[in-house]
N, C-alpha and C. Protein backbone atom coordinates (compact mmCIF):
# COMPACT_ATOMS: atom_id res chain seq x y z
N MET A 1 1.07 -0.96 -0.07
CA MET A 1 0.40 0.17 0.00
C MET A 1 0.91 0.98 -0.10
N ASP A 2 2.08 0.90 -0.97
CA ASP A 2 2.89 1.98 -0.24
C ASP A 2 2.45 3.17 -1.77
N TRP A 3 1.70 3.69 -3.07
CA TRP A 3 1.14 4.21 -3.28
C TRP A 3 0.27 5.36 -2.67
N LEU A 4 -0.61 4.74 -2.02
CA LEU A 4 -1.04 5.40 -1.60
C LEU A 4 -1.13 6.44 -0.74
N LYS A 5 0.88 6.79 -0.60
CA LYS A 5 1.19 8.05 -0.34
C LYS A 5 0.71 9.31 -1.43
N TYR A 6 1.06 8.92 -2.44
CA TYR A 6 1.14 10.04 -3.60
C TYR A 6 -0.85 10.68 -3.50
N PHE A 7 -1.59 10.66 -2.78
CA PHE A 7 -3.22 10.51 -2.72
C PHE A 7 -3.02 11.96 -1.02
N THR A 8 -1.43 11.72 -0.34
CA THR A 8 -1.86 12.90 0.40
C THR A 8 -0.56 13.85 0.38
N ILE A 9 -1.79 15.50 0.50
CA ILE A 9 -1.08 16.48 0.88
C ILE A 9 0.29 16.82 1.71
N TRP A 10 0.29 15.48 2.23
CA TRP A 10 1.79 15.72 2.92
C TRP A 10 3.07 15.74 2.58
N TRP A 11 2.51 14.07 1.66
CA TRP A 11 4.04 14.08 1.12
C TRP A 11 4.20 14.42 -0.11
N TRP A 12 2.91 15.77 -0.82
CA TRP A 12 3.90 16.32 -2.07
C TRP A 12 4.22 17.74 -1.25
N GLN A 13 3.84 18.51 0.10
CA GLN A 13 4.69 19.28 0.78
C GLN A 13 6.10 19.21 0.58
N TYR A 14 6.03 17.66 1.48
CA TYR A 14 7.82 17.21 1.58
C TYR A 14 8.25 17.16 0.15
N ILE A 15 8.08 17.47 -0.98
CA ILE A 15 8.57 16.73 -2.03
C ILE A 15 9.53 17.78 -2.73
N PHE A 16 8.57 18.60 -2.89
CA PHE A 16 8.47 19.97 -2.68
C PHE A 16 9.11 21.22 -2.08
N ALA A 17 9.20 21.17 -0.52
CA ALA A 17 9.65 22.03 0.33
C ALA A 17 10.82 22.32 -0.07
N PRO A 18 11.29 23.79 -0.09
CA PRO A 18 12.20 24.84 -0.61
C PRO A 18 13.43 23.78 -0.43
N LEU A 19 14.48 24.14 -0.43
CA LEU A 19 15.94 24.07 -0.04
C LEU A 19 16.75 24.65 1.09
N SER A 20 17.25 23.47 2.04
CA SER A 20 17.75 24.36 3.16
C SER A 20 18.55 25.21 3.25
N ASN A 21 19.19 26.47 3.61
CA ASN A 21 20.24 26.73 3.91
C ASN A 21 20.87 26.17 3.34
N TYR A 22 21.81 25.33 4.35
CA TYR A 22 23.34 24.93 3.84
C TYR A 22 22.78 24.13 2.72
N GLN A 23 21.45 23.55 2.24
CA GLN A 23 22.12 23.33 0.11
C GLN A 23 21.69 24.27 -0.35
N ARG A 24 21.92 25.35 0.03
CA ARG A 24 21.61 26.40 -0.86
C ARG A 24 23.03 26.98 -0.82
N LEU A 25 23.58 27.08 0.25
CA LEU A 25 25.16 27.62 0.33
C LEU A 25 26.15 26.48 -0.23
N TYR A 26 26.30 25.43 -0.56
CA TYR A 26 26.57 24.41 -0.80
C TYR A 26 26.47 24.19 -2.90
N GLU A 27 25.91 24.38 -2.78
CA GLU A 27 25.22 24.29 -4.66
C GLU A 27 24.45 23.43 -4.80
N ILE A 28 23.62 22.55 -4.01
CA ILE A 28 23.06 21.15 -4.12
C ILE A 28 21.77 21.38 -4.89
N SER A 29 22.09 20.62 -6.16
CA SER A 29 20.81 20.84 -7.29
C SER A 29 19.33 20.75 -6.93
N PRO A 30 18.51 21.87 -6.95
CA PRO A 30 16.96 21.58 -7.17
C PRO A 30 16.29 20.43 -7.22
N ILE A 31 17.06 19.66 -8.58
CA ILE A 31 16.62 18.45 -9.17
C ILE A 31 17.61 17.15 -8.42
N LYS A 32 18.75 17.18 -7.73
CA LYS A 32 18.96 15.94 -6.78
C LYS A 32 18.30 15.95 -5.65
N VAL A 33 17.92 17.05 -5.17
CA VAL A 33 16.98 16.92 -3.90
C VAL A 33 16.22 16.35 -4.11
N PHE A 34 15.15 16.93 -5.31
CA PHE A 34 14.21 16.04 -5.64
C PHE A 34 13.59 14.81 -6.26
N VAL A 35 14.40 14.03 -6.86
CA VAL A 35 14.98 13.03 -7.23
C VAL A 35 15.27 12.26 -5.79
N CYS A 36 16.28 12.93 -5.03
CA CYS A 36 16.87 11.75 -3.28
C CYS A 36 15.37 11.97 -2.87
N ARG A 37 14.38 12.74 -3.06
CA ARG A 37 12.82 12.60 -1.89
C ARG A 37 12.28 12.01 -2.17
N TRP A 38 12.40 12.22 -4.00
CA TRP A 38 11.24 10.63 -4.10
C TRP A 38 11.85 9.95 -4.31
N LYS A 39 12.54 9.02 -4.06
CA LYS A 39 13.06 7.67 -3.61
C LYS A 39 12.52 7.68 -2.06
N GLY A 40 12.80 8.18 -1.41
CA GLY A 40 13.41 7.88 -0.54
C GLY A 40 14.30 7.83 0.05
N HIS A 41 15.45 8.93 -0.47
CA HIS A 41 16.79 8.75 0.29
C HIS A 41 17.91 7.23 0.34
N PRO A 42 17.83 6.81 -1.09
CA PRO A 42 18.19 5.27 -0.85
C PRO A 42 19.59 5.17 -0.04
N ASN A 43 20.44 6.04 -0.12
CA ASN A 43 22.02 5.53 0.30
C ASN A 43 22.01 5.97 2.44
N GLY A 44 20.42 6.48 2.35
CA GLY A 44 20.85 6.44 4.05
C GLY A 44 21.49 7.80 4.75
N GLU A 45 21.68 8.36 5.32
CA GLU A 45 22.15 8.89 6.23
C GLU A 45 23.42 8.75 6.40
N ILE A 46 24.19 10.12 7.20
CA ILE A 46 25.50 10.55 7.43
C ILE A 46 25.65 9.84 8.66
N TYR A 47 26.67 8.81 9.20
CA TYR A 47 27.43 8.67 10.71
C TYR A 47 28.83 9.20 10.29
N TYR A 48 29.15 10.55 11.62
CA TYR A 48 29.61 11.19 12.24
C TYR A 48 30.87 10.69 12.58
N ASN A 49 31.13 9.63 13.34
CA ASN A 49 32.38 8.96 14.36
C ASN A 49 32.36 8.02 13.70
N ILE A 50 33.82 7.46 13.94
CA ILE A 50 35.66 6.35 13.62
C ILE A 50 33.81 5.17 13.80
N GLY A 51 33.09 4.50 14.27
CA GLY A 51 32.67 4.17 14.76
C GLY A 51 30.96 3.58 14.38
N GLY A 52 31.08 4.79 13.42
CA GLY A 52 29.90 4.98 12.42
C GLY A 52 28.30 4.78 13.75
N ASP A 53 28.44 5.10 14.59
CA ASP A 53 27.00 4.94 15.33
C ASP A 53 26.28 5.66 15.76
N GLU A 54 27.08 6.89 15.43
CA GLU A 54 26.13 8.10 15.29
C GLU A 54 25.54 8.98 14.37
N PRO A 55 24.27 8.97 14.40
CA PRO A 55 23.73 9.49 13.28
C PRO A 55 23.73 11.14 12.54
N ASP A 56 24.25 11.50 12.13
CA ASP A 56 23.94 12.74 12.02
C ASP A 56 22.17 12.84 11.44
N HIS A 57 22.23 12.45 10.87
CA HIS A 57 20.59 12.80 10.52
C HIS A 57 21.15 13.28 9.31
N HIS A 58 21.43 13.59 8.00
CA HIS A 58 21.59 13.87 7.17
C HIS A 58 21.97 13.30 5.88
N CYS A 59 21.08 13.23 4.07
CA CYS A 59 21.07 11.90 3.55
C CYS A 59 22.60 12.08 3.00
N LYS A 60 22.97 11.51 2.46
CA LYS A 60 23.90 11.03 2.05
C LYS A 60 24.87 12.08 0.61
N ASP A 61 23.71 11.31 -0.05
CA ASP A 61 23.38 12.72 -1.23
C ASP A 61 22.53 13.87 -1.11
N CYS A 62 21.77 14.04 -0.54
CA CYS A 62 21.17 15.29 -0.84
C CYS A 62 21.27 16.00 0.37
N GLU A 63 22.38 15.51 1.38
CA GLU A 63 21.95 16.71 2.86
C GLU A 63 20.98 17.32 2.62
N ASP A 64 19.38 16.36 3.17
CA ASP A 64 18.24 16.57 3.51
C ASP A 64 18.12 16.16 4.96
N ASP A 65 17.36 16.83 6.00
CA ASP A 65 17.37 16.71 6.99
C ASP A 65 16.95 15.58 7.51
N LEU A 66 17.21 14.61 7.56
CA LEU A 66 15.87 13.11 8.11
C LEU A 66 15.85 13.08 9.68
N GLY A 67 16.47 14.12 10.40
CA GLY A 67 16.35 14.13 11.52
C GLY A 67 14.29 14.43 12.56
């Protein structure tokens, strides 16, 4: 029933949400962010310590805040 999300206004608002200041600062393409959001951030989130057990809660590809 994953297809039901296409009929909710909240999903469409998330897909077309504006870029964050961080994304604009590092000139991440709005198309890249759109595609990554649409796919559900397939590569996961960034882990910022050596052991890799504390998430940064940002997407690896588009730097979207997932937290």
